[in-house]
């Protein structure tokens, strides 16, 4: 088995970008590991655990961007190695937050200030028509579930397994050895 994709992902979790937190989180990598641990604890299927682990992968080496391009870019990078069960919840992650603002009264009131700023840049709460279209997406429900873990993963004191714990799960989900698109950027 070609371990290059896993090695590249693991390098991102240990790289300099992983150390800079956003939204009050001390580390980006820690946040992703906590989201994956929550998914695993909830008994999620492997692809959704992987999506929770990798949903912010693009921010690990490109920096935090408060828009939905990060989710699309991250999903596009991951598509070289993983199927849509992993990549589509990642791609729809920002849209899930916009959807929840429309679908759940008071949802936006519970978001921290950085998430509210990101929401505004992403287009704010969905319109009724946008919400209907979102609900028709095959992975919309998975993305909402991912969003819930993302929100609960804010406790920097939570003890979670390291990236190495998830290597076998990720290895089982690899679909191809694509280009080195997940390598850290200079």
C-alpha atoms as a PDB file:
ATOM      1  CA  UNK A   1       0.000   0.000   0.000  1.00  0.00           C
ATOM      2  CA  UNK A   2       1.217   3.467  -0.886  1.00  0.00           C
ATOM      3  CA  UNK A   3       1.464   5.405   2.374  1.00  0.00           C
ATOM      4  CA  UNK A   4       2.432   8.705   0.724  1.00  0.00           C
ATOM      5  CA  UNK A   5      -1.067  10.229   1.093  1.00  0.00           C
ATOM      6  CA  UNK A   6      -1.184   9.334   4.776  1.00  0.00           C
ATOM      7  CA  UNK A   7       2.339  10.622   5.303  1.00  0.00           C
ATOM      8  CA  UNK A   8       1.426  13.909   3.622  1.00  0.00           C
ATOM      9  CA  UNK A   9      -1.701  14.305   5.758  1.00  0.00           C
ATOM     10  CA  UNK A  10       0.185  13.445   8.932  1.00  0.00           C
ATOM     11  CA  UNK A  11       2.836  16.031   8.048  1.00  0.00           C
ATOM     12  CA  UNK A  12       0.114  18.669   7.824  1.00  0.00           C
ATOM     13  CA  UNK A  13      -1.101  17.761  11.313  1.00  0.00           C
ATOM     14  CA  UNK A  14       2.422  18.240  12.643  1.00  0.00           C
ATOM     15  CA  UNK A  15       3.326  21.286  10.570  1.00  0.00           C
ATOM     16  CA  UNK A  16       3.511  24.943  11.487  1.00  0.00           C
ATOM     17  CA  UNK A  17      -0.021  25.674  10.259  1.00  0.00           C
ATOM     18  CA  UNK A  18      -1.385  23.184  12.743  1.00  0.00           C
ATOM     19  CA  UNK A  19      -0.043  25.264  15.602  1.00  0.00           C
ATOM     20  CA  UNK A  20      -1.959  28.450  14.872  1.00  0.00           C
ATOM     21  CA  UNK A  21      -5.470  28.278  16.226  1.00  0.00           C
ATOM     22  CA  UNK A  22      -8.504  30.195  15.117  1.00  0.00           C
ATOM     23  CA  UNK A  23     -11.611  31.256  16.943  1.00  0.00           C
ATOM     24  CA  UNK A  24     -10.067  30.799  20.376  1.00  0.00           C
ATOM     25  CA  UNK A  25      -8.772  27.295  19.661  1.00  0.00           C
ATOM     26  CA  UNK A  26      -5.091  26.893  20.532  1.00  0.00           C
ATOM     27  CA  UNK A  27      -4.380  24.594  17.564  1.00  0.00           C
ATOM     28  CA  UNK A  28      -6.110  23.809  14.295  1.00  0.00           C
ATOM     29  CA  UNK A  29      -4.862  20.227  14.379  1.00  0.00           C
ATOM     30  CA  UNK A  30      -6.196  19.769  17.908  1.00  0.00           C
ATOM     31  CA  UNK A  31      -9.604  20.972  16.802  1.00  0.00           C
ATOM     32  CA  UNK A  32      -9.705  18.478  13.928  1.00  0.00           C
ATOM     33  CA  UNK A  33      -8.579  15.637  16.189  1.00  0.00           C
ATOM     34  CA  UNK A  34     -11.308  16.524  18.705  1.00  0.00           C
ATOM     35  CA  UNK A  35     -13.962  16.539  15.962  1.00  0.00           C
ATOM     36  CA  UNK A  36     -12.811  13.091  14.814  1.00  0.00           C
ATOM     37  CA  UNK A  37     -12.803  11.782  18.384  1.00  0.00           C
ATOM     38  CA  UNK A  38     -16.381  13.001  18.830  1.00  0.00           C
ATOM     39  CA  UNK A  39     -17.417  11.316  15.575  1.00  0.00           C
ATOM     40  CA  UNK A  40     -15.775   8.086  16.658  1.00  0.00           C
ATOM     41  CA  UNK A  41     -17.356   8.257  20.123  1.00  0.00           C
ATOM     42  CA  UNK A  42     -20.766   8.729  18.488  1.00  0.00           C
ATOM     43  CA  UNK A  43     -20.244   5.540  16.469  1.00  0.00           C
ATOM     44  CA  UNK A  44     -20.033   7.275  13.097  1.00  0.00           C
ATOM     45  CA  UNK A  45     -19.149   5.211  10.071  1.00  0.00           C
ATOM     46  CA  UNK A  46     -15.461   5.404   9.067  1.00  0.00           C
ATOM     47  CA  UNK A  47     -15.948   7.840   6.160  1.00  0.00           C
ATOM     48  CA  UNK A  48     -17.666  10.340   8.423  1.00  0.00           C
ATOM     49  CA  UNK A  49     -14.945   9.999  11.085  1.00  0.00           C
ATOM     50  CA  UNK A  50     -12.444  10.745   8.308  1.00  0.00           C
ATOM     51  CA  UNK A  51     -14.490  13.762   7.177  1.00  0.00           C
ATOM     52  CA  UNK A  52     -14.522  15.070  10.758  1.00  0.00           C
ATOM     53  CA  UNK A  53     -10.754  14.622  10.969  1.00  0.00           C
ATOM     54  CA  UNK A  54     -10.060  16.245   7.610  1.00  0.00           C
ATOM     55  CA  UNK A  55     -12.764  18.929   7.380  1.00  0.00           C
ATOM     56  CA  UNK A  56     -10.295  21.771   7.970  1.00  0.00           C
ATOM     57  CA  UNK A  57      -7.281  20.241   6.264  1.00  0.00           C
ATOM     58  CA  UNK A  58      -6.820  23.153   3.895  1.00  0.00           C
ATOM     59  CA  UNK A  59      -6.410  25.554   6.814  1.00  0.00           C
ATOM     60  CA  UNK A  60      -3.503  23.530   8.183  1.00  0.00           C
ATOM     61  CA  UNK A  61      -1.132  24.790   5.536  1.00  0.00           C
ATOM     62  CA  UNK A  62      -2.963  27.654   3.837  1.00  0.00           C
ATOM     63  CA  UNK A  63      -4.149  29.537   6.877  1.00  0.00           C
ATOM     64  CA  UNK A  64      -7.613  30.289   8.151  1.00  0.00           C
ATOM     65  CA  UNK A  65      -9.979  31.866   5.633  1.00  0.00           C
ATOM     66  CA  UNK A  66     -13.419  32.911   6.741  1.00  0.00           C
ATOM     67  CA  UNK A  67     -15.311  31.854   3.638  1.00  0.00           C
ATOM     68  CA  UNK A  68     -16.615  28.670   2.071  1.00  0.00           C
ATOM     69  CA  UNK A  69     -13.743  28.375  -0.418  1.00  0.00           C
ATOM     70  CA  UNK A  70     -11.644  26.639   2.241  1.00  0.00           C
ATOM     71  CA  UNK A  71     -14.142  23.778   2.433  1.00  0.00           C
ATOM     72  CA  UNK A  72     -14.296  23.411  -1.349  1.00  0.00           C
ATOM     73  CA  UNK A  73     -10.528  23.637  -1.704  1.00  0.00           C
ATOM     74  CA  UNK A  74      -9.987  21.096   1.065  1.00  0.00           C
ATOM     75  CA  UNK A  75     -12.503  18.701  -0.472  1.00  0.00           C
ATOM     76  CA  UNK A  76     -10.888  19.083  -3.891  1.00  0.00           C
ATOM     77  CA  UNK A  77      -7.472  18.282  -2.410  1.00  0.00           C
ATOM     78  CA  UNK A  78      -8.811  15.229  -0.594  1.00  0.00           C
ATOM     79  CA  UNK A  79     -10.612  13.934  -3.706  1.00  0.00           C
ATOM     80  CA  UNK A  80      -7.266  12.729  -5.067  1.00  0.00           C
ATOM     81  CA  UNK A  81      -7.345  10.002  -2.412  1.00  0.00           C
ATOM     82  CA  UNK A  82     -10.845   9.671  -0.942  1.00  0.00           C
ATOM     83  CA  UNK A  83     -14.322   9.151  -2.284  1.00  0.00           C
ATOM     84  CA  UNK A  84     -17.366  11.378  -1.895  1.00  0.00           C
ATOM     85  CA  UNK A  85     -18.365   9.805   1.451  1.00  0.00           C
ATOM     86  CA  UNK A  86     -15.336  11.664   2.861  1.00  0.00           C
ATOM     87  CA  UNK A  87     -15.048  14.677   0.578  1.00  0.00           C
ATOM     88  CA  UNK A  88     -18.648  15.815   0.197  1.00  0.00           C
ATOM     89  CA  UNK A  89     -19.363  16.435   3.900  1.00  0.00           C
ATOM     90  CA  UNK A  90     -16.134  18.478   3.907  1.00  0.00           C
ATOM     91  CA  UNK A  91     -17.264  20.420   0.832  1.00  0.00           C
ATOM     92  CA  UNK A  92     -20.676  21.142   2.400  1.00  0.00           C
ATOM     93  CA  UNK A  93     -19.344  22.061   5.848  1.00  0.00           C
ATOM     94  CA  UNK A  94     -19.779  25.848   5.519  1.00  0.00           C
ATOM     95  CA  UNK A  95     -23.128  25.431   3.785  1.00  0.00           C
ATOM     96  CA  UNK A  96     -24.295  23.290   6.721  1.00  0.00           C
ATOM     97  CA  UNK A  97     -23.780  26.239   9.068  1.00  0.00           C
ATOM     98  CA  UNK A  98     -25.726  28.531   6.761  1.00  0.00           C
ATOM     99  CA  UNK A  99     -28.447  25.882   6.529  1.00  0.00           C
ATOM    100  CA  UNK A 100     -28.709  25.475  10.295  1.00  0.00           C
ATOM    101  CA  UNK A 101     -29.175  29.228  10.669  1.00  0.00           C
ATOM    102  CA  UNK A 102     -32.270  28.889   8.470  1.00  0.00           C
ATOM    103  CA  UNK A 103     -33.519  25.538   9.821  1.00  0.00           C
ATOM    104  CA  UNK A 104     -33.062  26.091  13.575  1.00  0.00           C
ATOM    105  CA  UNK A 105     -34.313  29.285  15.183  1.00  0.00           C
ATOM    106  CA  UNK A 106     -31.689  30.612  17.565  1.00  0.00           C
ATOM    107  CA  UNK A 107     -28.849  28.598  16.035  1.00  0.00           C
ATOM    108  CA  UNK A 108     -26.870  31.696  15.057  1.00  0.00           C
ATOM    109  CA  UNK A 109     -27.291  33.105  18.571  1.00  0.00           C
ATOM    110  CA  UNK A 110     -25.211  30.215  19.929  1.00  0.00           C
ATOM    111  CA  UNK A 111     -22.269  30.772  17.562  1.00  0.00           C
ATOM    112  CA  UNK A 112     -19.077  32.414  18.827  1.00  0.00           C
ATOM    113  CA  UNK A 113     -17.998  35.733  17.299  1.00  0.00           C
ATOM    114  CA  UNK A 114     -15.469  34.230  14.828  1.00  0.00           C
ATOM    115  CA  UNK A 115     -18.121  31.840  13.503  1.00  0.00           C
ATOM    116  CA  UNK A 116     -20.565  34.714  13.080  1.00  0.00           C
ATOM    117  CA  UNK A 117     -17.979  36.676  11.083  1.00  0.00           C
ATOM    118  CA  UNK A 118     -17.361  33.633   8.884  1.00  0.00           C
ATOM    119  CA  UNK A 119     -21.108  33.146   8.441  1.00  0.00           C
ATOM    120  CA  UNK A 120     -21.484  36.708   7.209  1.00  0.00           C
ATOM    121  CA  UNK A 121     -18.674  36.247   4.674  1.00  0.00           C
ATOM    122  CA  UNK A 122     -20.185  32.944   3.516  1.00  0.00           C
ATOM    123  CA  UNK A 123     -23.469  34.643   2.637  1.00  0.00           C
ATOM    124  CA  UNK A 124     -25.338  34.542   5.946  1.00  0.00           C
ATOM    125  CA  UNK A 125     -28.296  32.283   6.651  1.00  0.00           C
ATOM    126  CA  UNK A 126     -29.653  30.475   3.625  1.00  0.00           C
ATOM    127  CA  UNK A 127     -32.794  31.663   1.944  1.00  0.00           C
ATOM    128  CA  UNK A 128     -35.745  29.279   1.887  1.00  0.00           C
ATOM    129  CA  UNK A 129     -34.882  28.323  -1.698  1.00  0.00           C
ATOM    130  CA  UNK A 130     -31.221  27.736  -0.827  1.00  0.00           C
ATOM    131  CA  UNK A 131     -32.231  25.577   2.151  1.00  0.00           C
ATOM    132  CA  UNK A 132     -34.481  23.444  -0.049  1.00  0.00           C
ATOM    133  CA  UNK A 133     -31.684  22.994  -2.564  1.00  0.00           C
ATOM    134  CA  UNK A 134     -29.241  22.140   0.229  1.00  0.00           C
ATOM    135  CA  UNK A 135     -31.613  19.497   1.620  1.00  0.00           C
ATOM    136  CA  UNK A 136     -31.566  17.772  -1.773  1.00  0.00           C
ATOM    137  CA  UNK A 137     -27.782  17.312  -1.657  1.00  0.00           C
ATOM    138  CA  UNK A 138     -26.930  13.632  -1.082  1.00  0.00           C
ATOM    139  CA  UNK A 139     -24.446  14.443   1.697  1.00  0.00           C
ATOM    140  CA  UNK A 140     -26.323  17.338   3.325  1.00  0.00           C
ATOM    141  CA  UNK A 141     -27.292  15.349   6.415  1.00  0.00           C
ATOM    142  CA  UNK A 142     -23.707  14.113   6.865  1.00  0.00           C
ATOM    143  CA  UNK A 143     -22.434  17.688   6.592  1.00  0.00           C
ATOM    144  CA  UNK A 144     -24.872  18.842   9.295  1.00  0.00           C
ATOM    145  CA  UNK A 145     -23.685  15.998  11.526  1.00  0.00           C
ATOM    146  CA  UNK A 146     -20.079  17.016  10.822  1.00  0.00           C
ATOM    147  CA  UNK A 147     -20.969  20.609  11.669  1.00  0.00           C
ATOM    148  CA  UNK A 148     -22.295  19.484  15.073  1.00  0.00           C
ATOM    149  CA  UNK A 149     -19.026  17.723  15.895  1.00  0.00           C
ATOM    150  CA  UNK A 150     -17.113  20.760  14.668  1.00  0.00           C
ATOM    151  CA  UNK A 151     -19.042  22.961  17.106  1.00  0.00           C
ATOM    152  CA  UNK A 152     -18.566  20.548  20.028  1.00  0.00           C
ATOM    153  CA  UNK A 153     -14.823  20.242  19.327  1.00  0.00           C
ATOM    154  CA  UNK A 154     -13.974  23.554  20.961  1.00  0.00           C
ATOM    155  CA  UNK A 155     -12.660  22.208  24.283  1.00  0.00           C
ATOM    156  CA  UNK A 156      -8.867  22.517  24.029  1.00  0.00           C
ATOM    157  CA  UNK A 157      -8.444  20.485  27.232  1.00  0.00           C
ATOM    158  CA  UNK A 158     -10.163  17.389  25.795  1.00  0.00           C
ATOM    159  CA  UNK A 159      -7.903  14.357  25.542  1.00  0.00           C
ATOM    160  CA  UNK A 160      -7.939  12.817  22.080  1.00  0.00           C
ATOM    161  CA  UNK A 161      -5.896  10.269  20.152  1.00  0.00           C
ATOM    162  CA  UNK A 162      -3.119  11.525  17.853  1.00  0.00           C
ATOM    163  CA  UNK A 163      -3.329  11.445  14.069  1.00  0.00           C
ATOM    164  CA  UNK A 164      -1.587   8.037  14.045  1.00  0.00           C
ATOM    165  CA  UNK A 165      -4.703   6.529  15.623  1.00  0.00           C
ATOM    166  CA  UNK A 166      -6.656   7.356  12.445  1.00  0.00           C
ATOM    167  CA  UNK A 167      -4.095   6.080   9.908  1.00  0.00           C
ATOM    168  CA  UNK A 168      -5.639   2.581   9.602  1.00  0.00           C
ATOM    169  CA  UNK A 169      -9.114   4.065   9.158  1.00  0.00           C
ATOM    170  CA  UNK A 170      -7.829   6.476   6.489  1.00  0.00           C
ATOM    171  CA  UNK A 171      -5.807   3.731   4.786  1.00  0.00           C
ATOM    172  CA  UNK A 172      -8.956   1.627   4.431  1.00  0.00           C
ATOM    173  CA  UNK A 173     -10.743   4.560   2.782  1.00  0.00           C
ATOM    174  CA  UNK A 174      -8.023   5.462   0.261  1.00  0.00           C
ATOM    175  CA  UNK A 175      -9.340   5.206  -3.280  1.00  0.00           C
ATOM    176  CA  UNK A 176      -6.258   6.184  -5.273  1.00  0.00           C
ATOM    177  CA  UNK A 177      -2.784   7.570  -5.001  1.00  0.00           C
ATOM    178  CA  UNK A 178      -3.259  10.900  -6.628  1.00  0.00           C
ATOM    179  CA  UNK A 179      -0.848  13.781  -6.923  1.00  0.00           C
ATOM    180  CA  UNK A 180       0.798  15.162  -3.833  1.00  0.00           C
ATOM    181  CA  UNK A 181      -1.911  17.798  -3.453  1.00  0.00           C
ATOM    182  CA  UNK A 182      -1.947  17.516   0.340  1.00  0.00           C
ATOM    183  CA  UNK A 183       1.715  18.250   0.781  1.00  0.00           C
ATOM    184  CA  UNK A 184       2.436  21.389   2.799  1.00  0.00           C
ATOM    185  CA  UNK A 185       2.917  24.404   0.582  1.00  0.00           C
ATOM    186  CA  UNK A 186       6.181  26.354   0.729  1.00  0.00           C
END
